[in-house]
Every structure is written in structure tokens, then in C-alpha cells.
Amino acid sequence: MKPIPSGVKGSFTLVVKPEHLANRFKDAMLPPVLATPMMIMIMENAALNALKPYLDAGESAVGTRVDVRHLTATPTGRRVTGAAEVTKVDGRRIEFFVRAHDGTAEIGVGTHERMIIDMAKFAARLELPGD
């Protein structure tokens, strides 16, 4: 891992489609709006994109904490852009300020944390006895 400076930014964009809607994930009676887990995924991908230039071969980053507010509903067809900015680096633990915007309004805001991992070591920890 290369040194990661505070202030590094990343983004990720997704066009809202039927498979991203709350009425597909939860209660079918909900209106056709972006599901909160999908908004969080957009924010997490923005954070990962901020880190990618600083990762060494065989490294990635996994989410370890999310604290966000979903502020307003987003209908199908809108382009949602997540933005992440590094606010703190503590060894392999990276903290971010995250937000999401749908072209009309800010739809979410909060904080997120990711941990840099060695993919081979991580995969080895997941192996079950007898596999």
C-alpha cells in the first residue's frame, strides 16, 4: 500500500434501474425508489475508487463501517453519483466522508470506513477445514 493522503477523492455512478428499487429488496408495496442498500453500495464503490491508485498488487479494501442517512427518494432512470473523500488514515484503516446526489438533490450523506487487505491472506482465512 502506498501512502494515502487525506483529501483523496473517488466517485461512482449508477443509473437507477428496476433491480435497484426498494420494492424489489423489501416490501413489494413500497414505491419504485432507490433502495438504501443500493445507495450505500454506490458510496462504498466511490470510496474504493478513491483507494485504487494507492493499492499494491494483491490488495483491495473491504467495508468495515457505514453510518449514513438516506435523505430523499430517487426514482428509476436517475443517475446517482456517489462521492467519497478520505478524512483519516490509520494504518490500513481508512475513513471517508461520503455523499450521493441524483442530479436533482443530495440523497444521502455520512461516513464510511474501509480496511486495506491482502487478498491472498484474506482468502486463506475464509477456507473452511476440509475444503
Protein backbone atom coordinates (compact mmCIF):
# COMPACT_ATOMS: atom_id res chain seq x y z
CA MET A 1 0.00 0.00 0.00
CA LYS A 2 1.27 3.40 -0.97
CA PRO A 3 0.73 6.30 1.47
CA ILE A 4 -2.85 7.61 1.19
CA PRO A 5 -3.19 11.35 1.82
CA SER A 6 -6.25 12.89 3.46
CA GLY A 7 -8.45 14.60 0.90
CA VAL A 8 -8.15 11.91 -1.78
CA LYS A 9 -11.48 11.64 -3.62
CA GLY A 10 -13.32 8.97 -5.57
CA SER A 11 -16.66 8.65 -7.30
CA PHE A 12 -19.01 6.03 -8.68
CA THR A 13 -22.14 6.48 -10.83
CA LEU A 14 -25.15 4.24 -11.34
CA VAL A 15 -28.35 4.74 -13.34
CA VAL A 16 -31.30 3.58 -11.22
CA LYS A 17 -32.96 0.53 -12.80
CA PRO A 18 -35.81 -1.70 -11.58
CA GLU A 19 -33.39 -4.12 -9.93
CA HIS A 20 -32.13 -1.28 -7.67
CA LEU A 21 -35.52 -0.42 -6.19
CA ALA A 22 -36.70 -0.79 -2.59
CA ASN A 23 -39.81 -2.68 -3.69
CA ARG A 24 -37.53 -5.43 -5.08
CA PHE A 25 -35.47 -5.77 -1.87
CA LYS A 26 -38.04 -5.30 0.84
CA ASP A 27 -41.79 -4.77 0.77
CA ALA A 28 -43.37 -5.04 -2.68
CA MET A 29 -45.83 -2.34 -1.60
CA LEU A 30 -43.08 0.30 -1.41
CA PRO A 31 -42.95 2.89 -4.18
CA PRO A 32 -40.43 2.37 -7.01
CA VAL A 33 -37.49 4.28 -5.49
CA LEU A 34 -33.79 3.56 -4.98
CA ALA A 35 -33.20 1.13 -2.10
CA THR A 36 -30.99 2.32 0.73
CA PRO A 37 -28.61 -0.67 0.37
CA MET A 38 -28.03 0.34 -3.25
CA MET A 39 -27.23 3.91 -2.22
CA ILE A 40 -24.73 2.55 0.30
CA MET A 41 -23.18 0.35 -2.42
CA ILE A 42 -22.72 3.47 -4.59
CA MET A 43 -20.98 5.25 -1.70
CA GLU A 44 -18.79 2.23 -0.93
CA ASN A 45 -17.72 1.93 -4.57
CA ALA A 46 -16.82 5.63 -4.59
CA ALA A 47 -14.60 5.04 -1.55
CA LEU A 48 -12.96 2.01 -3.14
CA ASN A 49 -12.33 4.01 -6.32
CA ALA A 50 -10.57 6.67 -4.22
CA LEU A 51 -8.20 4.00 -2.88
CA LYS A 52 -7.43 2.05 -6.05
CA PRO A 53 -4.46 4.19 -7.16
CA TYR A 54 -2.80 3.55 -3.78
CA LEU A 55 -3.26 -0.22 -3.62
CA ASP A 56 -0.42 -2.61 -4.38
CA ALA A 57 -0.91 -5.74 -6.50
CA GLY A 58 -2.88 -8.31 -4.49
CA GLU A 59 -4.50 -5.70 -2.24
CA SER A 60 -8.08 -4.50 -2.00
CA ALA A 61 -10.23 -2.80 0.64
CA VAL A 62 -13.30 -4.10 2.42
CA GLY A 63 -16.00 -2.07 4.11
CA THR A 64 -15.97 -2.24 7.91
CA ARG A 65 -18.37 0.53 8.94
CA VAL A 66 -21.17 2.58 7.38
CA ASP A 67 -23.09 5.41 9.03
CA VAL A 68 -25.27 7.22 6.50
CA ARG A 69 -28.60 8.97 6.27
CA HIS A 70 -30.86 8.42 3.25
CA LEU A 71 -32.31 11.91 2.77
CA THR A 72 -34.72 11.69 -0.16
CA ALA A 73 -36.23 9.22 -2.62
CA THR A 74 -34.83 8.69 -6.11
CA PRO A 75 -36.98 7.26 -8.94
CA THR A 76 -35.98 4.91 -11.75
CA GLY A 77 -33.91 6.46 -14.54
CA ARG A 78 -31.99 8.97 -12.48
CA ARG A 79 -28.19 8.91 -12.47
CA VAL A 80 -26.88 8.69 -8.91
CA THR A 81 -23.29 9.72 -8.26
CA GLY A 82 -21.56 8.77 -5.06
CA ALA A 83 -18.59 10.77 -3.83
CA ALA A 84 -16.08 9.79 -1.16
CA GLU A 85 -13.26 11.78 0.42
CA VAL A 86 -10.59 10.36 2.70
CA THR A 87 -10.79 12.08 6.09
CA LYS A 88 -8.46 9.90 8.17
CA VAL A 89 -5.81 7.24 7.60
CA ASP A 90 -4.80 4.99 10.50
CA GLY A 91 -2.51 2.34 9.08
CA ARG A 92 -4.71 0.08 6.95
CA ARG A 93 -7.95 1.64 8.30
CA ILE A 94 -9.26 4.45 6.07
CA GLU A 95 -12.18 6.76 6.97
CA PHE A 96 -14.29 8.67 4.44
CA PHE A 97 -16.93 11.36 4.22
CA VAL A 98 -19.47 10.04 1.69
CA ARG A 99 -22.43 11.53 -0.13
CA ALA A 100 -24.75 10.68 -3.01
CA HIS A 101 -26.55 13.00 -5.43
CA ASP A 102 -29.20 12.12 -8.04
CA GLY A 103 -28.83 15.16 -10.28
CA THR A 104 -31.69 16.88 -8.51
CA ALA A 105 -30.84 16.64 -4.83
CA GLU A 106 -28.36 15.27 -2.34
CA ILE A 107 -29.94 11.92 -1.46
CA GLY A 108 -27.51 10.63 1.15
CA VAL A 109 -24.66 11.68 3.41
CA GLY A 110 -22.50 10.10 6.08
CA THR A 111 -19.26 8.35 6.94
CA HIS A 112 -17.69 5.09 5.84
CA GLU A 113 -14.66 3.05 6.82
CA ARG A 114 -12.64 0.58 4.79
CA MET A 115 -9.74 -1.69 5.69
CA ILE A 116 -6.91 -2.47 3.27
CA ILE A 117 -6.48 -6.23 2.95
CA ASP A 118 -4.05 -8.67 1.39
CA MET A 119 -6.31 -10.73 -0.88
CA ALA A 120 -4.32 -13.99 -0.52
CA LYS A 121 -4.31 -13.80 3.29
CA PHE A 122 -7.98 -12.86 3.32
CA ALA A 123 -8.91 -15.79 1.08
CA ALA A 124 -6.83 -18.18 3.23
CA ARG A 125 -8.75 -17.07 6.35
CA LEU A 126 -12.02 -17.93 4.61
CA GLU A 127 -11.05 -21.52 3.84
CA LEU A 128 -13.04 -23.97 5.91
CA PRO A 129 -11.46 -27.12 7.35
CA GLY A 130 -12.00 -29.93 4.84
CA ASP A 131 -12.26 -27.61 1.82
